[in-house]
């Protein structure tokens, strides 16, 4: 996976090239117009030739690259949606109670997720407690959840390796997300592993932040939009 230093260098080169192209294009347009009737055919030909080259570059390289970025971004957005719904389905199974088919989609909203899983399931446990207890006993159910997380990690890794993310904070966020999932991928149905997994999942699905408390918006969705 690419490092932050390599990313910064790639982004800097891309920006310099972008600004240089715009600068040379504007100069070439100016010279082409200025010299069109001045008889300086060499400079005029060079200017118009450069303008044609830039137009060719935008049509052949820049526009397809933007379309490719848009497709990758849309795919990550869709994969994240599926990850949330499928994982919530696993949480609901872990509570040991039946649920309607559209409930995972409804609980994809962070506020609805918090409200539902904070509700009492027994005199001493919330629904979230019940889900965690089951994950701590059921290795197969835990494995299903870890597979969903690994799929998300692979999708994020693909984006990091195939898209030049200009915003440093966005790149760092997805890098940390990928690393966090990687560290949890070998979790076992044991107390310490499930406790660590619980903290990560509650942050991700309920929007909890140790710094800012509960968030109104899904931070992952916000970062995807910045790609």
C-alpha atoms as a PDB file:
ATOM      1  CA  UNK A   1       0.000   0.000   0.000  1.00  0.00           C
ATOM      2  CA  UNK A   2       1.332   3.450  -0.864  1.00  0.00           C
ATOM      3  CA  UNK A   3       2.755   5.644   1.890  1.00  0.00           C
ATOM      4  CA  UNK A   4       1.634   9.141   2.798  1.00  0.00           C
ATOM      5  CA  UNK A   5       5.002  10.556   1.647  1.00  0.00           C
ATOM      6  CA  UNK A   6       4.669   8.947  -1.773  1.00  0.00           C
ATOM      7  CA  UNK A   7       1.096  10.178  -2.042  1.00  0.00           C
ATOM      8  CA  UNK A   8       2.126  13.757  -1.258  1.00  0.00           C
ATOM      9  CA  UNK A   9       4.825  13.608  -3.949  1.00  0.00           C
ATOM     10  CA  UNK A  10       2.362  12.234  -6.516  1.00  0.00           C
ATOM     11  CA  UNK A  11      -0.254  14.855  -5.661  1.00  0.00           C
ATOM     12  CA  UNK A  12       2.350  17.652  -5.871  1.00  0.00           C
ATOM     13  CA  UNK A  13       3.516  16.483  -9.317  1.00  0.00           C
ATOM     14  CA  UNK A  14      -0.085  16.218 -10.526  1.00  0.00           C
ATOM     15  CA  UNK A  15      -0.895  19.728  -9.305  1.00  0.00           C
ATOM     16  CA  UNK A  16       2.234  21.211 -10.864  1.00  0.00           C
ATOM     17  CA  UNK A  17       1.426  19.548 -14.177  1.00  0.00           C
ATOM     18  CA  UNK A  18      -2.170  20.771 -13.997  1.00  0.00           C
ATOM     19  CA  UNK A  19      -1.149  24.370 -13.260  1.00  0.00           C
ATOM     20  CA  UNK A  20       1.588  24.284 -15.899  1.00  0.00           C
ATOM     21  CA  UNK A  21      -0.844  23.070 -18.547  1.00  0.00           C
ATOM     22  CA  UNK A  22      -3.299  25.825 -17.703  1.00  0.00           C
ATOM     23  CA  UNK A  23      -0.528  28.418 -17.738  1.00  0.00           C
ATOM     24  CA  UNK A  24       0.949  27.327 -21.070  1.00  0.00           C
ATOM     25  CA  UNK A  25      -2.520  27.019 -22.555  1.00  0.00           C
ATOM     26  CA  UNK A  26      -3.445  30.584 -21.633  1.00  0.00           C
ATOM     27  CA  UNK A  27      -0.120  31.887 -22.981  1.00  0.00           C
ATOM     28  CA  UNK A  28      -0.565  29.880 -26.185  1.00  0.00           C
ATOM     29  CA  UNK A  29      -4.098  31.200 -26.703  1.00  0.00           C
ATOM     30  CA  UNK A  30      -2.836  34.745 -26.167  1.00  0.00           C
ATOM     31  CA  UNK A  31       0.028  34.285 -28.647  1.00  0.00           C
ATOM     32  CA  UNK A  32      -2.183  32.577 -31.206  1.00  0.00           C
ATOM     33  CA  UNK A  33      -4.662  35.460 -31.146  1.00  0.00           C
ATOM     34  CA  UNK A  34      -1.951  38.120 -30.969  1.00  0.00           C
ATOM     35  CA  UNK A  35       0.120  36.714 -33.812  1.00  0.00           C
ATOM     36  CA  UNK A  36      -2.639  35.463 -36.081  1.00  0.00           C
ATOM     37  CA  UNK A  37      -2.261  38.546 -38.293  1.00  0.00           C
ATOM     38  CA  UNK A  38       1.302  39.479 -37.395  1.00  0.00           C
ATOM     39  CA  UNK A  39       3.063  37.226 -39.860  1.00  0.00           C
ATOM     40  CA  UNK A  40       5.033  35.270 -37.240  1.00  0.00           C
ATOM     41  CA  UNK A  41       4.008  31.855 -38.500  1.00  0.00           C
ATOM     42  CA  UNK A  42       6.503  29.828 -36.411  1.00  0.00           C
ATOM     43  CA  UNK A  43       5.295  31.148 -33.065  1.00  0.00           C
ATOM     44  CA  UNK A  44       1.685  30.978 -34.230  1.00  0.00           C
ATOM     45  CA  UNK A  45       2.076  27.353 -35.333  1.00  0.00           C
ATOM     46  CA  UNK A  46       3.757  26.411 -32.030  1.00  0.00           C
ATOM     47  CA  UNK A  47       0.991  28.088 -30.036  1.00  0.00           C
ATOM     48  CA  UNK A  48      -1.850  26.475 -31.944  1.00  0.00           C
ATOM     49  CA  UNK A  49      -0.044  23.125 -31.862  1.00  0.00           C
ATOM     50  CA  UNK A  50       0.225  23.320 -28.078  1.00  0.00           C
ATOM     51  CA  UNK A  51      -3.447  24.220 -27.754  1.00  0.00           C
ATOM     52  CA  UNK A  52      -4.401  21.201 -29.861  1.00  0.00           C
ATOM     53  CA  UNK A  53      -2.133  18.979 -27.742  1.00  0.00           C
ATOM     54  CA  UNK A  54      -3.781  20.183 -24.523  1.00  0.00           C
ATOM     55  CA  UNK A  55      -7.252  19.588 -25.937  1.00  0.00           C
ATOM     56  CA  UNK A  56      -6.133  16.108 -26.972  1.00  0.00           C
ATOM     57  CA  UNK A  57      -4.750  15.482 -23.458  1.00  0.00           C
ATOM     58  CA  UNK A  58      -7.996  16.527 -21.792  1.00  0.00           C
ATOM     59  CA  UNK A  59     -10.065  14.354 -24.118  1.00  0.00           C
ATOM     60  CA  UNK A  60      -7.839  11.265 -23.998  1.00  0.00           C
ATOM     61  CA  UNK A  61      -6.387  11.397 -20.452  1.00  0.00           C
ATOM     62  CA  UNK A  62      -8.091  13.854 -18.092  1.00  0.00           C
ATOM     63  CA  UNK A  63     -11.766  13.224 -18.876  1.00  0.00           C
ATOM     64  CA  UNK A  64     -11.432   9.378 -18.836  1.00  0.00           C
ATOM     65  CA  UNK A  65      -9.483   9.626 -15.560  1.00  0.00           C
ATOM     66  CA  UNK A  66     -12.265  11.687 -13.979  1.00  0.00           C
ATOM     67  CA  UNK A  67     -14.825   9.147 -15.144  1.00  0.00           C
ATOM     68  CA  UNK A  68     -12.708   6.330 -13.731  1.00  0.00           C
ATOM     69  CA  UNK A  69     -12.403   8.152 -10.404  1.00  0.00           C
ATOM     70  CA  UNK A  70     -16.168   8.629 -10.342  1.00  0.00           C
ATOM     71  CA  UNK A  71     -16.793   4.924 -10.952  1.00  0.00           C
ATOM     72  CA  UNK A  72     -14.356   3.884  -8.204  1.00  0.00           C
ATOM     73  CA  UNK A  73     -15.915   6.382  -5.813  1.00  0.00           C
ATOM     74  CA  UNK A  74     -19.429   5.157  -6.600  1.00  0.00           C
ATOM     75  CA  UNK A  75     -18.337   1.548  -6.117  1.00  0.00           C
ATOM     76  CA  UNK A  76     -16.832   2.316  -2.700  1.00  0.00           C
ATOM     77  CA  UNK A  77     -19.993   4.160  -1.705  1.00  0.00           C
ATOM     78  CA  UNK A  78     -22.098   1.138  -2.668  1.00  0.00           C
ATOM     79  CA  UNK A  79     -19.765  -1.358  -0.994  1.00  0.00           C
ATOM     80  CA  UNK A  80     -19.827   0.653   2.225  1.00  0.00           C
ATOM     81  CA  UNK A  81     -23.630   0.674   2.153  1.00  0.00           C
ATOM     82  CA  UNK A  82     -23.698  -3.104   1.705  1.00  0.00           C
ATOM     83  CA  UNK A  83     -21.120  -3.541   4.458  1.00  0.00           C
ATOM     84  CA  UNK A  84     -23.254  -1.613   6.923  1.00  0.00           C
ATOM     85  CA  UNK A  85     -26.476  -3.449   6.065  1.00  0.00           C
ATOM     86  CA  UNK A  86     -24.902  -6.919   6.025  1.00  0.00           C
ATOM     87  CA  UNK A  87     -23.021  -6.307   9.272  1.00  0.00           C
ATOM     88  CA  UNK A  88     -26.135  -4.968  10.979  1.00  0.00           C
ATOM     89  CA  UNK A  89     -27.925  -8.127   9.853  1.00  0.00           C
ATOM     90  CA  UNK A  90     -25.242 -10.111  11.702  1.00  0.00           C
ATOM     91  CA  UNK A  91     -25.689  -7.961  14.826  1.00  0.00           C
ATOM     92  CA  UNK A  92     -29.438  -8.581  14.710  1.00  0.00           C
ATOM     93  CA  UNK A  93     -28.898 -12.327  14.324  1.00  0.00           C
ATOM     94  CA  UNK A  94     -26.564 -12.168  17.313  1.00  0.00           C
ATOM     95  CA  UNK A  95     -29.307 -10.693  19.502  1.00  0.00           C
ATOM     96  CA  UNK A  96     -31.260 -13.911  19.006  1.00  0.00           C
ATOM     97  CA  UNK A  97     -34.523 -12.206  18.024  1.00  0.00           C
ATOM     98  CA  UNK A  98     -36.343 -12.081  14.706  1.00  0.00           C
ATOM     99  CA  UNK A  99     -36.543  -8.901  12.636  1.00  0.00           C
ATOM    100  CA  UNK A 100     -38.145  -7.539   9.475  1.00  0.00           C
ATOM    101  CA  UNK A 101     -36.172  -7.688   6.238  1.00  0.00           C
ATOM    102  CA  UNK A 102     -35.860  -3.910   5.887  1.00  0.00           C
ATOM    103  CA  UNK A 103     -34.604  -3.325   9.441  1.00  0.00           C
ATOM    104  CA  UNK A 104     -30.840  -3.495   8.570  1.00  0.00           C
ATOM    105  CA  UNK A 105     -31.362  -0.733   6.023  1.00  0.00           C
ATOM    106  CA  UNK A 106     -33.228   1.416   8.556  1.00  0.00           C
ATOM    107  CA  UNK A 107     -30.522   0.905  11.174  1.00  0.00           C
ATOM    108  CA  UNK A 108     -27.839   1.999   8.712  1.00  0.00           C
ATOM    109  CA  UNK A 109     -28.693   5.474   9.944  1.00  0.00           C
ATOM    110  CA  UNK A 110     -26.406   6.150  12.896  1.00  0.00           C
ATOM    111  CA  UNK A 111     -29.117   7.721  15.033  1.00  0.00           C
ATOM    112  CA  UNK A 112     -31.484   4.799  14.472  1.00  0.00           C
ATOM    113  CA  UNK A 113     -28.666   2.340  15.160  1.00  0.00           C
ATOM    114  CA  UNK A 114     -27.869   3.980  18.507  1.00  0.00           C
ATOM    115  CA  UNK A 115     -31.503   4.129  19.532  1.00  0.00           C
ATOM    116  CA  UNK A 116     -32.205   0.498  18.659  1.00  0.00           C
ATOM    117  CA  UNK A 117     -29.135  -1.128  20.162  1.00  0.00           C
ATOM    118  CA  UNK A 118     -29.180   0.980  23.327  1.00  0.00           C
ATOM    119  CA  UNK A 119     -32.661  -0.294  24.166  1.00  0.00           C
ATOM    120  CA  UNK A 120     -32.894  -2.868  26.934  1.00  0.00           C
ATOM    121  CA  UNK A 121     -33.137  -6.500  25.878  1.00  0.00           C
ATOM    122  CA  UNK A 122     -33.182  -7.846  29.437  1.00  0.00           C
ATOM    123  CA  UNK A 123     -33.160  -6.337  32.915  1.00  0.00           C
ATOM    124  CA  UNK A 124     -29.375  -6.059  32.819  1.00  0.00           C
ATOM    125  CA  UNK A 125     -28.420  -5.929  29.137  1.00  0.00           C
ATOM    126  CA  UNK A 126     -28.981  -3.764  26.083  1.00  0.00           C
ATOM    127  CA  UNK A 127     -29.425  -5.243  22.610  1.00  0.00           C
ATOM    128  CA  UNK A 128     -25.801  -4.336  21.914  1.00  0.00           C
ATOM    129  CA  UNK A 129     -24.669  -6.258  24.997  1.00  0.00           C
ATOM    130  CA  UNK A 130     -26.607  -9.298  23.814  1.00  0.00           C
ATOM    131  CA  UNK A 131     -25.068  -9.087  20.351  1.00  0.00           C
ATOM    132  CA  UNK A 132     -21.556  -8.885  21.772  1.00  0.00           C
ATOM    133  CA  UNK A 133     -22.130 -11.773  24.143  1.00  0.00           C
ATOM    134  CA  UNK A 134     -23.253 -13.952  21.243  1.00  0.00           C
ATOM    135  CA  UNK A 135     -20.267 -12.910  19.115  1.00  0.00           C
ATOM    136  CA  UNK A 136     -18.057 -13.859  22.049  1.00  0.00           C
ATOM    137  CA  UNK A 137     -19.455 -17.401  22.005  1.00  0.00           C
ATOM    138  CA  UNK A 138     -20.280 -18.073  18.357  1.00  0.00           C
ATOM    139  CA  UNK A 139     -17.120 -18.397  16.245  1.00  0.00           C
ATOM    140  CA  UNK A 140     -19.064 -18.852  12.997  1.00  0.00           C
ATOM    141  CA  UNK A 141     -21.085 -15.675  13.497  1.00  0.00           C
ATOM    142  CA  UNK A 142     -17.951 -13.758  14.418  1.00  0.00           C
ATOM    143  CA  UNK A 143     -16.220 -15.062  11.297  1.00  0.00           C
ATOM    144  CA  UNK A 144     -19.095 -13.802   9.137  1.00  0.00           C
ATOM    145  CA  UNK A 145     -18.620 -10.340  10.586  1.00  0.00           C
ATOM    146  CA  UNK A 146     -14.846 -10.413  10.105  1.00  0.00           C
ATOM    147  CA  UNK A 147     -15.325 -11.425   6.459  1.00  0.00           C
ATOM    148  CA  UNK A 148     -17.549  -8.379   5.916  1.00  0.00           C
ATOM    149  CA  UNK A 149     -14.865  -6.185   7.479  1.00  0.00           C
ATOM    150  CA  UNK A 150     -12.150  -7.738   5.327  1.00  0.00           C
ATOM    151  CA  UNK A 151     -14.181  -7.089   2.174  1.00  0.00           C
ATOM    152  CA  UNK A 152     -14.453  -3.434   3.174  1.00  0.00           C
ATOM    153  CA  UNK A 153     -10.720  -3.295   3.910  1.00  0.00           C
ATOM    154  CA  UNK A 154      -9.935  -4.669   0.443  1.00  0.00           C
ATOM    155  CA  UNK A 155     -12.222  -2.105  -1.201  1.00  0.00           C
ATOM    156  CA  UNK A 156     -10.534   0.737   0.685  1.00  0.00           C
ATOM    157  CA  UNK A 157      -7.112  -0.654  -0.233  1.00  0.00           C
ATOM    158  CA  UNK A 158      -8.076  -0.698  -3.904  1.00  0.00           C
ATOM    159  CA  UNK A 159      -9.098   2.962  -3.756  1.00  0.00           C
ATOM    160  CA  UNK A 160      -5.879   3.978  -1.989  1.00  0.00           C
ATOM    161  CA  UNK A 161      -3.795   2.244  -4.640  1.00  0.00           C
ATOM    162  CA  UNK A 162      -5.726   3.416  -7.694  1.00  0.00           C
ATOM    163  CA  UNK A 163      -6.856   6.970  -6.957  1.00  0.00           C
ATOM    164  CA  UNK A 164      -4.735  10.037  -6.240  1.00  0.00           C
ATOM    165  CA  UNK A 165      -6.606  11.432  -3.226  1.00  0.00           C
ATOM    166  CA  UNK A 166      -5.677  15.111  -3.125  1.00  0.00           C
ATOM    167  CA  UNK A 167      -6.858  15.760   0.420  1.00  0.00           C
ATOM    168  CA  UNK A 168      -4.295  14.609   2.989  1.00  0.00           C
ATOM    169  CA  UNK A 169      -6.837  14.179   5.796  1.00  0.00           C
ATOM    170  CA  UNK A 170      -9.045  12.007   3.586  1.00  0.00           C
ATOM    171  CA  UNK A 171      -6.136   9.777   2.612  1.00  0.00           C
ATOM    172  CA  UNK A 172      -4.990   9.491   6.240  1.00  0.00           C
ATOM    173  CA  UNK A 173      -8.513   8.605   7.363  1.00  0.00           C
ATOM    174  CA  UNK A 174      -8.877   5.715   4.926  1.00  0.00           C
ATOM    175  CA  UNK A 175      -5.354   4.559   5.701  1.00  0.00           C
ATOM    176  CA  UNK A 176      -6.203   4.416   9.429  1.00  0.00           C
ATOM    177  CA  UNK A 177      -9.518   2.692   8.709  1.00  0.00           C
ATOM    178  CA  UNK A 178      -7.795   0.016   6.653  1.00  0.00           C
ATOM    179  CA  UNK A 179      -5.149  -0.512   9.336  1.00  0.00           C
ATOM    180  CA  UNK A 180      -7.763  -0.743  12.102  1.00  0.00           C
ATOM    181  CA  UNK A 181      -9.697  -3.427  10.232  1.00  0.00           C
ATOM    182  CA  UNK A 182      -6.478  -5.317   9.467  1.00  0.00           C
ATOM    183  CA  UNK A 183      -5.577  -5.448  13.168  1.00  0.00           C
ATOM    184  CA  UNK A 184      -9.000  -6.909  13.995  1.00  0.00           C
ATOM    185  CA  UNK A 185      -9.227  -9.455  11.182  1.00  0.00           C
ATOM    186  CA  UNK A 186      -7.923 -12.338  13.326  1.00  0.00           C
ATOM    187  CA  UNK A 187     -10.188 -11.659  16.321  1.00  0.00           C
ATOM    188  CA  UNK A 188     -11.273 -14.723  18.291  1.00  0.00           C
ATOM    189  CA  UNK A 189     -14.486 -15.314  20.279  1.00  0.00           C
ATOM    190  CA  UNK A 190     -12.703 -14.285  23.456  1.00  0.00           C
ATOM    191  CA  UNK A 191     -13.451 -11.466  25.893  1.00  0.00           C
ATOM    192  CA  UNK A 192     -10.480  -9.198  25.090  1.00  0.00           C
ATOM    193  CA  UNK A 193     -10.843  -9.578  21.306  1.00  0.00           C
ATOM    194  CA  UNK A 194     -14.591  -8.968  21.333  1.00  0.00           C
ATOM    195  CA  UNK A 195     -14.195  -5.973  23.648  1.00  0.00           C
ATOM    196  CA  UNK A 196     -11.680  -4.375  21.281  1.00  0.00           C
ATOM    197  CA  UNK A 197     -13.871  -5.203  18.293  1.00  0.00           C
ATOM    198  CA  UNK A 198     -16.887  -3.728  20.082  1.00  0.00           C
ATOM    199  CA  UNK A 199     -15.193  -0.359  20.528  1.00  0.00           C
ATOM    200  CA  UNK A 200     -14.313  -0.138  16.846  1.00  0.00           C
ATOM    201  CA  UNK A 201     -17.764  -1.228  15.666  1.00  0.00           C
ATOM    202  CA  UNK A 202     -19.622   1.183  17.952  1.00  0.00           C
ATOM    203  CA  UNK A 203     -17.535   4.062  16.622  1.00  0.00           C
ATOM    204  CA  UNK A 204     -18.218   3.007  13.040  1.00  0.00           C
ATOM    205  CA  UNK A 205     -21.930   2.196  13.254  1.00  0.00           C
ATOM    206  CA  UNK A 206     -23.117   4.513  16.039  1.00  0.00           C
ATOM    207  CA  UNK A 207     -20.921   7.459  15.062  1.00  0.00           C
ATOM    208  CA  UNK A 208     -19.120   7.646  18.389  1.00  0.00           C
ATOM    209  CA  UNK A 209     -15.950   9.723  18.721  1.00  0.00           C
ATOM    210  CA  UNK A 210     -13.801   9.854  21.853  1.00  0.00           C
ATOM    211  CA  UNK A 211     -13.031  13.494  21.001  1.00  0.00           C
ATOM    212  CA  UNK A 212     -16.362  14.868  19.782  1.00  0.00           C
ATOM    213  CA  UNK A 213     -18.915  12.423  21.176  1.00  0.00           C
ATOM    214  CA  UNK A 214     -21.712  11.213  18.898  1.00  0.00           C
ATOM    215  CA  UNK A 215     -21.570  12.591  15.388  1.00  0.00           C
ATOM    216  CA  UNK A 216     -24.539  13.744  13.340  1.00  0.00           C
ATOM    217  CA  UNK A 217     -23.116  12.560  10.014  1.00  0.00           C
ATOM    218  CA  UNK A 218     -21.397   9.336   8.988  1.00  0.00           C
ATOM    219  CA  UNK A 219     -17.688  10.195   8.829  1.00  0.00           C
ATOM    220  CA  UNK A 220     -16.943   7.419   6.310  1.00  0.00           C
ATOM    221  CA  UNK A 221     -19.628   8.662   3.920  1.00  0.00           C
ATOM    222  CA  UNK A 222     -18.285  12.201   4.287  1.00  0.00           C
ATOM    223  CA  UNK A 223     -14.751  11.042   3.465  1.00  0.00           C
ATOM    224  CA  UNK A 224     -15.929   9.041   0.453  1.00  0.00           C
ATOM    225  CA  UNK A 225     -17.436  12.219  -0.982  1.00  0.00           C
ATOM    226  CA  UNK A 226     -14.030  13.900  -0.700  1.00  0.00           C
ATOM    227  CA  UNK A 227     -12.274  11.320  -2.879  1.00  0.00           C
END
